[in-house]
Amino acid sequence: GEKFLYAVKIFQLLIIAQIFLILSIPASNAIIYFFKKPQYSTIITIPQVALLFLLNLYFIPRDPLHGATYSLTIVTFLSIISQYYFYFRFLKAKNK
């Protein structure tokens, strides 16, 4: 009913965040296992946690219902960009 209408947008945003997360798995696994550079996974993860914290501080007071999902979606989107950046950088270096 109407009680659950608020949950629909939250669910949609969480699905988008999960899509970004799932799409980043091949690059992440390649960086860790194929290129044998797990330290880059840490380099990517630490700023993600800090950014998630800061974005939560910004978004949650402005929109308590959706703020955390906005933060998570932004962080996972930036994560996929950074992981594929390192993936293509390592791939290019390996092919030289």
C-alpha atoms as a PDB file:
ATOM      1  CA  GLY A   1       0.000   0.000   0.000  1.00  0.00           C
ATOM      2  CA  GLU A   2       0.967   3.609   0.450  1.00  0.00           C
ATOM      3  CA  LYS A   3       3.205   2.813   3.411  1.00  0.00           C
ATOM      4  CA  PHE A   4       5.665   1.084   1.098  1.00  0.00           C
ATOM      5  CA  LEU A   5       5.848   3.738  -1.628  1.00  0.00           C
ATOM      6  CA  TYR A   6       8.840   5.356   0.087  1.00  0.00           C
ATOM      7  CA  ALA A   7      10.703   2.074  -0.012  1.00  0.00           C
ATOM      8  CA  VAL A   8      10.445   1.809  -3.805  1.00  0.00           C
ATOM      9  CA  LYS A   9      12.805   4.730  -4.501  1.00  0.00           C
ATOM     10  CA  ILE A  10      15.254   3.512  -1.862  1.00  0.00           C
ATOM     11  CA  PHE A  11      15.211   0.054  -3.407  1.00  0.00           C
ATOM     12  CA  GLN A  12      15.791   1.486  -6.895  1.00  0.00           C
ATOM     13  CA  LEU A  13      18.775   3.517  -5.712  1.00  0.00           C
ATOM     14  CA  LEU A  14      20.237   0.503  -3.925  1.00  0.00           C
ATOM     15  CA  ILE A  15      19.846  -1.586  -7.088  1.00  0.00           C
ATOM     16  CA  ILE A  16      21.716   1.067  -9.091  1.00  0.00           C
ATOM     17  CA  ALA A  17      24.495   1.046  -6.491  1.00  0.00           C
ATOM     18  CA  GLN A  18      24.655  -2.750  -6.690  1.00  0.00           C
ATOM     19  CA  ILE A  19      24.856  -2.641 -10.485  1.00  0.00           C
ATOM     20  CA  PHE A  20      27.938  -0.404 -10.221  1.00  0.00           C
ATOM     21  CA  LEU A  21      29.400  -2.743  -7.617  1.00  0.00           C
ATOM     22  CA  ILE A  22      28.807  -5.855  -9.735  1.00  0.00           C
ATOM     23  CA  LEU A  23      30.268  -4.200 -12.838  1.00  0.00           C
ATOM     24  CA  SER A  24      33.431  -3.365 -10.902  1.00  0.00           C
ATOM     25  CA  ILE A  25      34.098  -6.983  -9.895  1.00  0.00           C
ATOM     26  CA  PRO A  26      35.996  -8.019 -13.079  1.00  0.00           C
ATOM     27  CA  ALA A  27      38.378  -5.057 -12.811  1.00  0.00           C
ATOM     28  CA  SER A  28      38.843  -5.580  -9.094  1.00  0.00           C
ATOM     29  CA  ASN A  29      39.608  -9.272  -9.483  1.00  0.00           C
ATOM     30  CA  ALA A  30      42.005  -8.592 -12.351  1.00  0.00           C
ATOM     31  CA  ILE A  31      43.886  -6.001 -10.297  1.00  0.00           C
ATOM     32  CA  ILE A  32      44.180  -8.331  -7.323  1.00  0.00           C
ATOM     33  CA  TYR A  33      44.748 -11.727  -8.975  1.00  0.00           C
ATOM     34  CA  PHE A  34      45.947 -11.181 -12.550  1.00  0.00           C
ATOM     35  CA  PHE A  35      48.172  -8.155 -12.041  1.00  0.00           C
ATOM     36  CA  LYS A  36      48.995  -9.230  -8.457  1.00  0.00           C
ATOM     37  CA  LYS A  37      48.560  -5.738  -7.023  1.00  0.00           C
ATOM     38  CA  PRO A  38      46.180  -6.063  -4.053  1.00  0.00           C
ATOM     39  CA  GLN A  39      47.624  -2.886  -2.538  1.00  0.00           C
ATOM     40  CA  TYR A  40      45.736  -0.930  -5.198  1.00  0.00           C
ATOM     41  CA  SER A  41      42.505  -2.379  -3.914  1.00  0.00           C
ATOM     42  CA  THR A  42      43.384  -0.847  -0.550  1.00  0.00           C
ATOM     43  CA  ILE A  43      44.313   2.438  -2.215  1.00  0.00           C
ATOM     44  CA  ILE A  44      40.845   2.496  -3.780  1.00  0.00           C
ATOM     45  CA  THR A  45      38.951   1.316  -0.686  1.00  0.00           C
ATOM     46  CA  ILE A  46      40.308   3.708   1.957  1.00  0.00           C
ATOM     47  CA  PRO A  47      39.157   6.892   0.157  1.00  0.00           C
ATOM     48  CA  GLN A  48      35.823   5.190  -0.548  1.00  0.00           C
ATOM     49  CA  VAL A  49      35.167   4.690   3.143  1.00  0.00           C
ATOM     50  CA  ALA A  50      36.166   8.271   3.937  1.00  0.00           C
ATOM     51  CA  LEU A  51      34.046   9.629   1.087  1.00  0.00           C
ATOM     52  CA  LEU A  52      31.069   7.519   2.141  1.00  0.00           C
ATOM     53  CA  PHE A  53      31.336   8.933   5.649  1.00  0.00           C
ATOM     54  CA  LEU A  54      31.550  12.525   4.386  1.00  0.00           C
ATOM     55  CA  LEU A  55      28.718  12.094   1.904  1.00  0.00           C
ATOM     56  CA  ASN A  56      26.545  10.595   4.627  1.00  0.00           C
ATOM     57  CA  LEU A  57      27.256  13.634   6.789  1.00  0.00           C
ATOM     58  CA  TYR A  58      26.120  15.809   3.895  1.00  0.00           C
ATOM     59  CA  PHE A  59      23.132  13.892   2.496  1.00  0.00           C
ATOM     60  CA  ILE A  60      21.471  12.338   5.550  1.00  0.00           C
ATOM     61  CA  PRO A  61      20.581  15.642   7.270  1.00  0.00           C
ATOM     62  CA  ARG A  62      19.208  16.995   3.991  1.00  0.00           C
ATOM     63  CA  ASP A  63      17.215  13.890   3.069  1.00  0.00           C
ATOM     64  CA  PRO A  64      17.006  11.408   5.959  1.00  0.00           C
ATOM     65  CA  LEU A  65      15.014   8.928   3.911  1.00  0.00           C
ATOM     66  CA  HIS A  66      17.287   8.680   0.850  1.00  0.00           C
ATOM     67  CA  GLY A  67      20.555  10.293   1.971  1.00  0.00           C
ATOM     68  CA  ALA A  68      22.504   7.113   2.639  1.00  0.00           C
ATOM     69  CA  THR A  69      21.452   5.584  -0.666  1.00  0.00           C
ATOM     70  CA  TYR A  70      22.610   8.693  -2.538  1.00  0.00           C
ATOM     71  CA  SER A  71      25.971   8.397  -0.809  1.00  0.00           C
ATOM     72  CA  LEU A  72      26.327   4.709  -1.570  1.00  0.00           C
ATOM     73  CA  THR A  73      25.385   5.185  -5.226  1.00  0.00           C
ATOM     74  CA  ILE A  74      27.934   7.971  -5.689  1.00  0.00           C
ATOM     75  CA  VAL A  75      30.704   6.009  -3.980  1.00  0.00           C
ATOM     76  CA  THR A  76      30.092   2.829  -5.979  1.00  0.00           C
ATOM     77  CA  PHE A  77      29.998   4.843  -9.217  1.00  0.00           C
ATOM     78  CA  LEU A  78      33.342   6.467  -8.391  1.00  0.00           C
ATOM     79  CA  SER A  79      34.666   3.055  -7.398  1.00  0.00           C
ATOM     80  CA  ILE A  80      33.933   1.544 -10.792  1.00  0.00           C
ATOM     81  CA  ILE A  81      35.669   4.461 -12.495  1.00  0.00           C
ATOM     82  CA  SER A  82      38.780   4.171 -10.322  1.00  0.00           C
ATOM     83  CA  GLN A  83      39.024   0.395 -10.614  1.00  0.00           C
ATOM     84  CA  TYR A  84      38.743   0.410 -14.385  1.00  0.00           C
ATOM     85  CA  TYR A  85      41.261   3.260 -14.532  1.00  0.00           C
ATOM     86  CA  PHE A  86      43.829   1.123 -12.719  1.00  0.00           C
ATOM     87  CA  TYR A  87      42.840  -1.956 -14.711  1.00  0.00           C
ATOM     88  CA  PHE A  88      43.460  -0.272 -18.067  1.00  0.00           C
ATOM     89  CA  ARG A  89      46.618   1.373 -16.767  1.00  0.00           C
ATOM     90  CA  PHE A  90      48.056  -1.999 -15.706  1.00  0.00           C
ATOM     91  CA  LEU A  91      46.879  -3.652 -18.898  1.00  0.00           C
ATOM     92  CA  LYS A  92      48.612  -1.011 -20.986  1.00  0.00           C
ATOM     93  CA  ALA A  93      51.830  -1.371 -18.969  1.00  0.00           C
ATOM     94  CA  LYS A  94      51.723  -5.164 -19.315  1.00  0.00           C
ATOM     95  CA  ASN A  95      51.300  -4.998 -23.094  1.00  0.00           C
ATOM     96  CA  LYS A  96      54.365  -2.763 -23.576  1.00  0.00           C
END
